[in-house]
PDB file of N, CA and C in Angstrom:
ATOM      1  N   MET A   1       0.840  -1.171   0.000  1.00  0.00           N
ATOM      2  CA  MET A   1       0.000   0.000   0.000  1.00  0.00           C
ATOM      3  C   MET A   1       0.890   1.240   0.000  1.00  0.00           C
ATOM      4  N   THR A   2       0.561   2.193  -0.795  1.00  0.00           N
ATOM      5  CA  THR A   2       1.350   3.410  -0.916  1.00  0.00           C
ATOM      6  C   THR A   2       0.924   4.429   0.128  1.00  0.00           C
ATOM      7  N   GLU A   3       1.936   4.984   0.792  1.00  0.00           N
ATOM      8  CA  GLU A   3       1.647   6.045   1.757  1.00  0.00           C
ATOM      9  C   GLU A   3       1.990   7.381   1.121  1.00  0.00           C
ATOM     10  N   TYR A   4       1.107   8.315   1.228  1.00  0.00           N
ATOM     11  CA  TYR A   4       1.355   9.649   0.712  1.00  0.00           C
ATOM     12  C   TYR A   4       1.694  10.565   1.874  1.00  0.00           C
ATOM     13  N   LEU A   5       2.752  11.352   1.689  1.00  0.00           N
ATOM     14  CA  LEU A   5       3.138  12.299   2.723  1.00  0.00           C
ATOM     15  C   LEU A   5       2.243  13.520   2.660  1.00  0.00           C
ATOM     16  N   ARG A   6       1.834  13.960   3.799  1.00  0.00           N
ATOM     17  CA  ARG A   6       1.015  15.167   3.847  1.00  0.00           C
ATOM     18  C   ARG A   6       1.900  16.388   3.668  1.00  0.00           C
ATOM     19  N   ASP A   7       1.332  17.437   3.085  1.00  0.00           N
ATOM     20  CA  ASP A   7       2.074  18.687   2.955  1.00  0.00           C
ATOM     21  C   ASP A   7       2.338  19.250   4.336  1.00  0.00           C
ATOM     22  N   SER A   8       3.546  19.772   4.499  1.00  0.00           N
ATOM     23  CA  SER A   8       3.864  20.382   5.793  1.00  0.00           C
ATOM     24  C   SER A   8       3.205  21.756   5.862  1.00  0.00           C
ATOM     25  N   PRO A   9       2.847  22.184   7.047  1.00  0.00           N
ATOM     26  CA  PRO A   9       2.208  23.495   7.174  1.00  0.00           C
ATOM     27  C   PRO A   9       3.195  24.610   6.839  1.00  0.00           C
ATOM     28  N   ALA A  10       2.675  25.701   6.331  1.00  0.00           N
ATOM     29  CA  ALA A  10       3.524  26.847   5.990  1.00  0.00           C
ATOM     30  C   ALA A  10       4.087  27.448   7.270  1.00  0.00           C
ATOM     31  N   VAL A  11       5.381  27.687   7.289  1.00  0.00           N
ATOM     32  CA  VAL A  11       6.011  28.269   8.476  1.00  0.00           C
ATOM     33  C   VAL A  11       6.355  29.738   8.271  1.00  0.00           C
ATOM     34  N   ALA A  12       6.313  30.195   7.031  1.00  0.00           N
ATOM     35  CA  ALA A  12       6.636  31.593   6.743  1.00  0.00           C
ATOM     36  C   ALA A  12       5.368  32.439   6.752  1.00  0.00           C
ATOM     37  N   ARG A  13       5.534  33.669   7.166  1.00  0.00           N
ATOM     38  CA  ARG A  13       4.416  34.615   7.177  1.00  0.00           C
ATOM     39  C   ARG A  13       4.609  35.582   6.021  1.00  0.00           C
ATOM     40  N   SER A  14       3.552  35.796   5.233  1.00  0.00           N
ATOM     41  CA  SER A  14       3.616  36.742   4.121  1.00  0.00           C
ATOM     42  C   SER A  14       3.626  38.164   4.656  1.00  0.00           C
ATOM     43  N   TYR A  15       4.416  39.012   3.998  1.00  0.00           N
ATOM     44  CA  TYR A  15       4.445  40.416   4.406  1.00  0.00           C
ATOM     45  C   TYR A  15       4.867  41.285   3.238  1.00  0.00           C
ATOM     46  N   CYS A  16       4.447  42.544   3.280  1.00  0.00           N
ATOM     47  CA  CYS A  16       4.848  43.541   2.290  1.00  0.00           C
ATOM     48  C   CYS A  16       5.931  44.399   2.951  1.00  0.00           C
ATOM     49  N   PRO A  17       7.112  44.515   2.355  1.00  0.00           N
ATOM     50  CA  PRO A  17       8.194  45.280   2.966  1.00  0.00           C
ATOM     51  C   PRO A  17       7.864  46.760   3.175  1.00  0.00           C
ATOM     52  N   VAL A  18       6.983  47.336   2.345  1.00  0.00           N
ATOM     53  CA  VAL A  18       6.636  48.754   2.506  1.00  0.00           C
ATOM     54  C   VAL A  18       5.609  48.920   3.621  1.00  0.00           C
ATOM     55  N   CYS A  19       4.647  48.016   3.683  1.00  0.00           N
ATOM     56  CA  CYS A  19       3.615  48.104   4.725  1.00  0.00           C
ATOM     57  C   CYS A  19       4.181  47.789   6.109  1.00  0.00           C
ATOM     58  N   GLU A  20       5.146  46.891   6.171  1.00  0.00           N
ATOM     59  CA  GLU A  20       5.728  46.481   7.452  1.00  0.00           C
ATOM     60  C   GLU A  20       7.245  46.661   7.427  1.00  0.00           C
ATOM     61  N   PRO A  21       7.749  47.901   7.446  1.00  0.00           N
ATOM     62  CA  PRO A  21       9.196  48.110   7.369  1.00  0.00           C
ATOM     63  C   PRO A  21       9.936  47.608   8.606  1.00  0.00           C
ATOM     64  N   ASP A  22       9.253  47.446   9.720  1.00  0.00           N
ATOM     65  CA  ASP A  22       9.908  47.012  10.952  1.00  0.00           C
ATOM     66  C   ASP A  22       9.872  45.495  11.153  1.00  0.00           C
ATOM     67  N   ALA A  23       9.365  44.756  10.183  1.00  0.00           N
ATOM     68  CA  ALA A  23       9.337  43.292  10.314  1.00  0.00           C
ATOM     69  C   ALA A  23      10.773  42.784  10.399  1.00  0.00           C
ATOM     70  N   ASP A  24      11.028  41.918  11.345  1.00  0.00           N
ATOM     71  CA  ASP A  24      12.387  41.446  11.615  1.00  0.00           C
ATOM     72  C   ASP A  24      12.545  39.988  11.170  1.00  0.00           C
ATOM     73  N   PRO A  25      13.304  39.744  10.093  1.00  0.00           N
ATOM     74  CA  PRO A  25      13.478  38.372   9.614  1.00  0.00           C
ATOM     75  C   PRO A  25      14.334  37.515  10.549  1.00  0.00           C
ATOM     76  N   THR A  26      14.979  38.124  11.556  1.00  0.00           N
ATOM     77  CA  THR A  26      15.737  37.322  12.521  1.00  0.00           C
ATOM     78  C   THR A  26      14.836  36.746  13.602  1.00  0.00           C
ATOM     79  N   ARG A  27      13.624  37.279  13.730  1.00  0.00           N
ATOM     80  CA  ARG A  27      12.697  36.805  14.763  1.00  0.00           C
ATOM     81  C   ARG A  27      11.631  35.860  14.199  1.00  0.00           C
ATOM     82  N   GLU A  28      11.376  35.945  12.892  1.00  0.00           N
ATOM     83  CA  GLU A  28      10.376  35.082  12.266  1.00  0.00           C
ATOM     84  C   GLU A  28      10.726  34.884  10.801  1.00  0.00           C
ATOM     85  N   ILE A  29      10.166  33.862  10.219  1.00  0.00           N
ATOM     86  CA  ILE A  29      10.404  33.580   8.804  1.00  0.00           C
ATOM     87  C   ILE A  29       9.400  34.381   8.003  1.00  0.00           C
ATOM     88  N   LEU A  30       9.928  35.213   7.110  1.00  0.00           N
ATOM     89  CA  LEU A  30       9.072  36.099   6.322  1.00  0.00           C
ATOM     90  C   LEU A  30       9.147  35.719   4.852  1.00  0.00           C
ATOM     91  N   ASP A  31       8.012  35.786   4.200  1.00  0.00           N
ATOM     92  CA  ASP A  31       7.905  35.510   2.771  1.00  0.00           C
ATOM     93  C   ASP A  31       7.402  36.782   2.104  1.00  0.00           C
ATOM     94  N   VAL A  32       8.228  37.381   1.244  1.00  0.00           N
ATOM     95  CA  VAL A  32       7.876  38.668   0.637  1.00  0.00           C
ATOM     96  C   VAL A  32       6.741  38.490  -0.363  1.00  0.00           C
ATOM     97  N   HIS A  33       5.655  39.177  -0.100  1.00  0.00           N
ATOM     98  CA  HIS A  33       4.509  39.257  -1.006  1.00  0.00           C
ATOM     99  C   HIS A  33       4.080  40.712  -1.027  1.00  0.00           C
ATOM    100  N   TRP A  34       4.335  41.372  -2.148  1.00  0.00           N
ATOM    101  CA  TRP A  34       3.987  42.784  -2.263  1.00  0.00           C
ATOM    102  C   TRP A  34       2.474  42.940  -2.320  1.00  0.00           C
ATOM    103  N   CYS A  35       1.970  43.924  -1.625  1.00  0.00           N
ATOM    104  CA  CYS A  35       0.538  44.214  -1.707  1.00  0.00           C
ATOM    105  C   CYS A  35       0.270  44.948  -3.025  1.00  0.00           C
ATOM    106  N   VAL A  36      -0.979  45.097  -3.388  1.00  0.00           N
ATOM    107  CA  VAL A  36      -1.350  45.718  -4.661  1.00  0.00           C
ATOM    108  C   VAL A  36      -0.847  47.161  -4.736  1.00  0.00           C
ATOM    109  N   ALA A  37      -0.912  47.879  -3.640  1.00  0.00           N
ATOM    110  CA  ALA A  37      -0.510  49.291  -3.636  1.00  0.00           C
ATOM    111  C   ALA A  37       0.998  49.467  -3.793  1.00  0.00           C
ATOM    112  N   HIS A  38       1.802  48.498  -3.359  1.00  0.00           N
ATOM    113  CA  HIS A  38       3.257  48.655  -3.374  1.00  0.00           C
ATOM    114  C   HIS A  38       3.974  47.695  -4.318  1.00  0.00           C
ATOM    115  N   ALA A  39       3.252  47.019  -5.164  1.00  0.00           N
ATOM    116  CA  ALA A  39       3.878  46.063  -6.085  1.00  0.00           C
ATOM    117  C   ALA A  39       4.864  46.779  -6.996  1.00  0.00           C
ATOM    118  N   PRO A  40       6.029  46.179  -7.244  1.00  0.00           N
ATOM    119  CA  PRO A  40       7.016  46.803  -8.134  1.00  0.00           C
ATOM    120  C   PRO A  40       6.456  46.960  -9.548  1.00  0.00           C
ATOM    121  N   VAL A  41       6.950  47.948 -10.241  1.00  0.00           N
ATOM    122  CA  VAL A  41       6.527  48.202 -11.622  1.00  0.00           C
ATOM    123  C   VAL A  41       7.193  47.164 -12.517  1.00  0.00           C
ATOM    124  N   TRP A  42       6.391  46.528 -13.347  1.00  0.00           N
ATOM    125  CA  TRP A  42       6.918  45.473 -14.208  1.00  0.00           C
ATOM    126  C   TRP A  42       7.228  45.952 -15.616  1.00  0.00           C
ATOM    127  N   SER A  43       6.913  47.186 -15.933  1.00  0.00           N
ATOM    128  CA  SER A  43       7.177  47.678 -17.290  1.00  0.00           C
ATOM    129  C   SER A  43       8.018  48.943 -17.208  1.00  0.00           C
ATOM    130  N   GLY A  44       9.253  48.775 -16.769  1.00  0.00           N
ATOM    131  CA  GLY A  44      10.157  49.914 -16.640  1.00  0.00           C
ATOM    132  C   GLY A  44      10.883  50.202 -17.938  1.00  0.00           C
ATOM    133  N   ALA A  45      11.717  51.241 -17.926  1.00  0.00           N
ATOM    134  CA  ALA A  45      12.453  51.668 -19.120  1.00  0.00           C
ATOM    135  C   ALA A  45      13.467  50.617 -19.567  1.00  0.00           C
ATOM    136  N   ASP A  46      14.020  49.857 -18.633  1.00  0.00           N
ATOM    137  CA  ASP A  46      15.041  48.872 -18.985  1.00  0.00           C
ATOM    138  C   ASP A  46      14.469  47.556 -19.507  1.00  0.00           C
ATOM    139  N   ASP A  47      13.169  47.374 -19.408  1.00  0.00           N
ATOM    140  CA  ASP A  47      12.579  46.115 -19.853  1.00  0.00           C
ATOM    141  C   ASP A  47      12.718  45.898 -21.355  1.00  0.00           C
ATOM    142  N   GLY A  48      12.782  46.958 -22.138  1.00  0.00           N
ATOM    143  CA  GLY A  48      12.953  46.825 -23.579  1.00  0.00           C
ATOM    144  C   GLY A  48      14.373  46.473 -23.969  1.00  0.00           C
ATOM    145  N   VAL A  49      15.335  46.719 -23.087  1.00  0.00           N
ATOM    146  CA  VAL A  49      16.737  46.449 -23.374  1.00  0.00           C
ATOM    147  C   VAL A  49      17.052  44.961 -23.237  1.00  0.00           C
ATOM    148  N   VAL A  50      16.427  44.327 -22.286  1.00  0.00           N
ATOM    149  CA  VAL A  50      16.696  42.922 -22.007  1.00  0.00           C
ATOM    150  C   VAL A  50      15.839  42.055 -22.917  1.00  0.00           C
ATOM    151  N   THR A  51      16.471  41.057 -23.528  1.00  0.00           N
ATOM    152  CA  THR A  51      15.716  40.116 -24.350  1.00  0.00           C
ATOM    153  C   THR A  51      15.628  38.786 -23.616  1.00  0.00           C
ATOM    154  N   VAL A  52      14.482  38.207 -23.674  1.00  0.00           N
ATOM    155  CA  VAL A  52      14.264  36.918 -23.036  1.00  0.00           C
ATOM    156  C   VAL A  52      13.760  35.964 -24.095  1.00  0.00           C
ATOM    157  N   GLY A  53      14.364  34.829 -24.155  1.00  0.00           N
ATOM    158  CA  GLY A  53      13.930  33.827 -25.121  1.00  0.00           C
ATOM    159  C   GLY A  53      13.982  32.457 -24.498  1.00  0.00           C
ATOM    160  N   ALA A  54      13.060  31.635 -24.862  1.00  0.00           N
ATOM    161  CA  ALA A  54      13.037  30.264 -24.365  1.00  0.00           C
ATOM    162  C   ALA A  54      13.485  29.342 -25.478  1.00  0.00           C
ATOM    163  N   ILE A  55      14.314  28.398 -25.125  1.00  0.00           N
ATOM    164  CA  ILE A  55      14.768  27.407 -26.087  1.00  0.00           C
ATOM    165  C   ILE A  55      14.168  26.075 -25.670  1.00  0.00           C
ATOM    166  N   PRO A  56      13.112  25.650 -26.345  1.00  0.00           N
ATOM    167  CA  PRO A  56      12.501  24.381 -25.940  1.00  0.00           C
ATOM    168  C   PRO A  56      13.417  23.212 -26.267  1.00  0.00           C
ATOM    169  N   SER A  57      13.759  22.443 -25.273  1.00  0.00           N
ATOM    170  CA  SER A  57      14.632  21.295 -25.498  1.00  0.00           C
ATOM    171  C   SER A  57      13.896  19.979 -25.324  1.00  0.00           C
ATOM    172  N   GLY A  58      12.646  20.047 -24.923  1.00  0.00           N
ATOM    173  CA  GLY A  58      11.896  18.822 -24.750  1.00  0.00           C
ATOM    174  C   GLY A  58      12.108  18.162 -23.402  1.00  0.00           C
ATOM    175  N   SER A  59      12.791  18.835 -22.513  1.00  0.00           N
ATOM    176  CA  SER A  59      13.031  18.261 -21.196  1.00  0.00           C
ATOM    177  C   SER A  59      12.892  19.340 -20.151  1.00  0.00           C
ATOM    178  N   ALA A  60      12.286  19.002 -19.045  1.00  0.00           N
ATOM    179  CA  ALA A  60      12.132  19.962 -17.963  1.00  0.00           C
ATOM    180  C   ALA A  60      13.332  19.938 -17.036  1.00  0.00           C
ATOM    181  N   GLU A  61      14.245  18.993 -17.223  1.00  0.00           N
ATOM    182  CA  GLU A  61      15.397  18.876 -16.347  1.00  0.00           C
ATOM    183  C   GLU A  61      16.523  19.783 -16.806  1.00  0.00           C
ATOM    184  N   ALA A  62      17.310  20.235 -15.853  1.00  0.00           N
ATOM    185  CA  ALA A  62      18.539  20.933 -16.195  1.00  0.00           C
ATOM    186  C   ALA A  62      19.496  19.883 -16.739  1.00  0.00           C
ATOM    187  N   GLY A  63      20.048  20.118 -17.902  1.00  0.00           N
ATOM    188  CA  GLY A  63      20.950  19.144 -18.502  1.00  0.00           C
ATOM    189  C   GLY A  63      20.237  17.963 -19.126  1.00  0.00           C
ATOM    190  N   GLY A  64      18.958  18.053 -19.341  1.00  0.00           N
ATOM    191  CA  GLY A  64      18.199  16.943 -19.893  1.00  0.00           C
ATOM    192  C   GLY A  64      18.602  16.589 -21.307  1.00  0.00           C
ATOM    193  N   GLU A  65      19.012  17.575 -22.089  1.00  0.00           N
ATOM    194  CA  GLU A  65      19.416  17.327 -23.472  1.00  0.00           C
ATOM    195  C   GLU A  65      20.686  16.479 -23.514  1.00  0.00           C
ATOM    196  N   ASP A  66      21.655  16.769 -22.628  1.00  0.00           N
ATOM    197  CA  ASP A  66      22.875  15.966 -22.572  1.00  0.00           C
ATOM    198  C   ASP A  66      22.555  14.538 -22.166  1.00  0.00           C
ATOM    199  N   ASN A  67      21.672  14.380 -21.207  1.00  0.00           N
ATOM    200  CA  ASN A  67      21.281  13.049 -20.753  1.00  0.00           C
ATOM    201  C   ASN A  67      20.618  12.278 -21.886  1.00  0.00           C
ATOM    202  N   ARG A  68      19.814  12.955 -22.689  1.00  0.00           N
ATOM    203  CA  ARG A  68      19.134  12.301 -23.807  1.00  0.00           C
ATOM    204  C   ARG A  68      20.160  11.785 -24.814  1.00  0.00           C
ATOM    205  N   ARG A  69      21.215  12.571 -25.076  1.00  0.00           N
ATOM    206  CA  ARG A  69      22.242  12.131 -26.034  1.00  0.00           C
ATOM    207  C   ARG A  69      22.954  10.876 -25.535  1.00  0.00           C
ATOM    208  N   TRP A  70      23.323  10.866 -24.256  1.00  0.00           N
ATOM    209  CA  TRP A  70      23.974   9.679 -23.700  1.00  0.00           C
ATOM    210  C   TRP A  70      23.047   8.474 -23.765  1.00  0.00           C
ATOM    211  N   CYS A  71      21.787   8.681 -23.486  1.00  0.00           N
ATOM    212  CA  CYS A  71      20.817   7.591 -23.524  1.00  0.00           C
ATOM    213  C   CYS A  71      20.709   7.024 -24.944  1.00  0.00           C
ATOM    214  N   GLU A  72      20.721   7.893 -25.944  1.00  0.00           N
ATOM    215  CA  GLU A  72      20.660   7.431 -27.332  1.00  0.00           C
ATOM    216  C   GLU A  72      21.900   6.618 -27.694  1.00  0.00           C
ATOM    217  N   ILE A  73      23.065   7.032 -27.182  1.00  0.00           N
ATOM    218  CA  ILE A  73      24.297   6.299 -27.474  1.00  0.00           C
ATOM    219  C   ILE A  73      24.287   4.935 -26.794  1.00  0.00           C
ATOM    220  N   LEU A  74      23.956   4.910 -25.530  1.00  0.00           N
ATOM    221  CA  LEU A  74      24.034   3.668 -24.763  1.00  0.00           C
ATOM    222  C   LEU A  74      22.949   2.664 -25.122  1.00  0.00           C
ATOM    223  N   HIS A  75      21.784   3.136 -25.489  1.00  0.00           N
ATOM    224  CA  HIS A  75      20.660   2.232 -25.723  1.00  0.00           C
ATOM    225  C   HIS A  75      20.302   2.080 -27.199  1.00  0.00           C
ATOM    226  N   ARG A  76      21.211   2.480 -28.072  1.00  0.00           N
ATOM    227  CA  ARG A  76      20.913   2.377 -29.504  1.00  0.00           C
ATOM    228  C   ARG A  76      20.923   0.914 -29.938  1.00  0.00           C
ATOM    229  N   GLU A  77      20.228   0.659 -31.029  1.00  0.00           N
ATOM    230  CA  GLU A  77      20.224  -0.687 -31.589  1.00  0.00           C
ATOM    231  C   GLU A  77      21.379  -0.800 -32.563  1.00  0.00           C
ATOM    232  N   LEU A  78      22.052  -1.930 -32.538  1.00  0.00           N
ATOM    233  CA  LEU A  78      23.156  -2.149 -33.454  1.00  0.00           C
ATOM    234  C   LEU A  78      22.607  -2.460 -34.837  1.00  0.00           C
ATOM    235  N   PRO A  79      23.319  -2.042 -35.883  1.00  0.00           N
ATOM    236  CA  PRO A  79      22.884  -2.412 -37.237  1.00  0.00           C
ATOM    237  C   PRO A  79      22.868  -3.935 -37.378  1.00  0.00           C
ATOM    238  N   GLN A  80      22.021  -4.446 -38.236  1.00  0.00           N
ATOM    239  CA  GLN A  80      21.847  -5.891 -38.390  1.00  0.00           C
ATOM    240  C   GLN A  80      23.140  -6.583 -38.810  1.00  0.00           C
ATOM    241  N   ALA A  81      23.965  -5.950 -39.646  1.00  0.00           N
ATOM    242  CA  ALA A  81      25.206  -6.576 -40.102  1.00  0.00           C
ATOM    243  C   ALA A  81      26.146  -6.820 -38.924  1.00  0.00           C
ATOM    244  N   LYS A  82      26.268  -5.871 -38.043  1.00  0.00           N
ATOM    245  CA  LYS A  82      27.146  -6.039 -36.884  1.00  0.00           C
ATOM    246  C   LYS A  82      26.565  -7.055 -35.914  1.00  0.00           C
ATOM    247  N   ALA A  83      25.276  -6.992 -35.714  1.00  0.00           N
ATOM    248  CA  ALA A  83      24.635  -7.912 -34.776  1.00  0.00           C
ATOM    249  C   ALA A  83      24.736  -9.348 -35.282  1.00  0.00           C
ATOM    250  N   ALA A  84      24.631  -9.559 -36.598  1.00  0.00           N
ATOM    251  CA  ALA A  84      24.698 -10.906 -37.158  1.00  0.00           C
ATOM    252  C   ALA A  84      26.117 -11.450 -37.088  1.00  0.00           C
ATOM    253  N   GLY A  85      27.133 -10.588 -37.162  1.00  0.00           N
ATOM    254  CA  GLY A  85      28.524 -11.022 -37.142  1.00  0.00           C
ATOM    255  C   GLY A  85      29.032 -11.369 -35.756  1.00  0.00           C
ATOM    256  N   ARG A  86      28.314 -11.017 -34.735  1.00  0.00           N
ATOM    257  CA  ARG A  86      28.756 -11.316 -33.371  1.00  0.00           C
ATOM    258  C   ARG A  86      28.575 -12.786 -33.063  1.00  0.00           C
ATOM    259  N   ARG A  87      29.536 -13.333 -32.361  1.00  0.00           N
ATOM    260  CA  ARG A  87      29.412 -14.723 -31.936  1.00  0.00           C
ATOM    261  C   ARG A  87      28.616 -14.775 -30.646  1.00  0.00           C
ATOM    262  N   PRO A  88      27.809 -15.793 -30.494  1.00  0.00           N
ATOM    263  CA  PRO A  88      27.098 -15.935 -29.222  1.00  0.00           C
ATOM    264  C   PRO A  88      28.094 -16.270 -28.114  1.00  0.00           C
ATOM    265  N   ALA A  89      27.778 -15.910 -26.931  1.00  0.00           N
ATOM    266  CA  ALA A  89      28.647 -16.189 -25.793  1.00  0.00           C
ATOM    267  C   ALA A  89      28.734 -17.692 -25.574  1.00  0.00           C
ATOM    268  N   ARG A  90      29.959 -18.165 -25.272  1.00  0.00           N
ATOM    269  CA  ARG A  90      30.141 -19.597 -25.026  1.00  0.00           C
ATOM    270  C   ARG A  90      29.640 -19.930 -23.634  1.00  0.00           C
ATOM    271  N   PRO A  91      29.004 -21.074 -23.491  1.00  0.00           N
ATOM    272  CA  PRO A  91      28.568 -21.466 -22.144  1.00  0.00           C
ATOM    273  C   PRO A  91      29.784 -21.793 -21.286  1.00  0.00           C
ATOM    274  N   ARG A  92      29.710 -21.493 -20.033  1.00  0.00           N
ATOM    275  CA  ARG A  92      30.806 -21.779 -19.106  1.00  0.00           C
ATOM    276  C   ARG A  92      30.861 -23.274 -18.820  1.00  0.00           C
ATOM    277  N   ARG A  93      32.066 -23.756 -18.714  1.00  0.00           N
ATOM    278  CA  ARG A  93      32.219 -25.160 -18.340  1.00  0.00           C
ATOM    279  C   ARG A  93      32.238 -25.247 -16.831  1.00  0.00           C
ATOM    280  N   ARG A  94      31.484 -26.162 -16.335  1.00  0.00           N
ATOM    281  CA  ARG A  94      31.473 -26.385 -14.888  1.00  0.00           C
ATOM    282  C   ARG A  94      32.469 -27.494 -14.561  1.00  0.00           C
ATOM    283  N   PRO A  95      33.203 -27.313 -13.486  1.00  0.00           N
ATOM    284  CA  PRO A  95      34.150 -28.382 -13.118  1.00  0.00           C
ATOM    285  C   PRO A  95      33.400 -29.647 -12.710  1.00  0.00           C
ATOM    286  N   ASN A  96      33.969 -30.742 -13.114  1.00  0.00           N
ATOM    287  CA  ASN A  96      33.383 -32.034 -12.774  1.00  0.00           C
ATOM    288  C   ASN A  96      33.902 -32.435 -11.397  1.00  0.00           C
ATOM    289  N   PRO A  97      33.020 -32.567 -10.402  1.00  0.00           N
ATOM    290  CA  PRO A  97      33.499 -32.892  -9.055  1.00  0.00           C
ATOM    291  C   PRO A  97      34.135 -34.281  -8.964  1.00  0.00           C
ATOM    292  N   GLU A  98      33.857 -35.165  -9.938  1.00  0.00           N
ATOM    293  CA  GLU A  98      34.417 -36.516  -9.891  1.00  0.00           C
ATOM    294  C   GLU A  98      35.871 -36.533 -10.321  1.00  0.00           C
ATOM    295  N   GLN A  99      36.325 -35.550 -11.124  1.00  0.00           N
ATOM    296  CA  GLN A  99      37.695 -35.526 -11.618  1.00  0.00           C
ATOM    297  C   GLN A  99      38.670 -35.055 -10.547  1.00  0.00           C
ATOM    298  N   GLY A 100      38.218 -34.268  -9.606  1.00  0.00           N
ATOM    299  CA  GLY A 100      39.100 -33.798  -8.549  1.00  0.00           C
ATOM    300  C   GLY A 100      39.786 -32.510  -8.939  1.00  0.00           C
ATOM    301  N   ALA A 101      40.530 -31.954  -8.025  1.00  0.00           N
ATOM    302  CA  ALA A 101      41.165 -30.654  -8.221  1.00  0.00           C
ATOM    303  C   ALA A 101      42.403 -30.749  -9.088  1.00  0.00           C
ATOM    304  N   SER A 102      43.055 -31.922  -9.212  1.00  0.00           N
ATOM    305  CA  SER A 102      44.318 -32.024  -9.938  1.00  0.00           C
ATOM    306  C   SER A 102      44.138 -31.943 -11.444  1.00  0.00           C
ATOM    307  N   SER A 103      42.990 -32.265 -11.982  1.00  0.00           N
ATOM    308  CA  SER A 103      42.799 -32.269 -13.430  1.00  0.00           C
ATOM    309  C   SER A 103      42.323 -30.940 -13.977  1.00  0.00           C
ATOM    310  N   ARG A 104      42.164 -29.955 -13.153  1.00  0.00           N
ATOM    311  CA  ARG A 104      41.670 -28.653 -13.633  1.00  0.00           C
ATOM    312  C   ARG A 104      42.713 -27.887 -14.312  1.00  0.00           C
TER     313      ARG A 104
END
């Protein structure tokens, strides 16, 4: 049976730095959440200077593209000509207990 862990309760208190300038992060855990009146401006003069672009790689992991390449190398199928030319592994010979240790 699968046990699911319950979410832990939030230990941080939300606060707006402008509304509560005297909030002390050494006495309690604070999580910055700007109120509507004091929210930072998101469309400033410098926003046009910075370019943001997303490069879809098909993976949500950091380094996922490199991992995919290694996976393709390690798990690739061999061409039929190479696979047909390989010899099957020889079965191991088991020692015969009746012959004794001297004949090995």
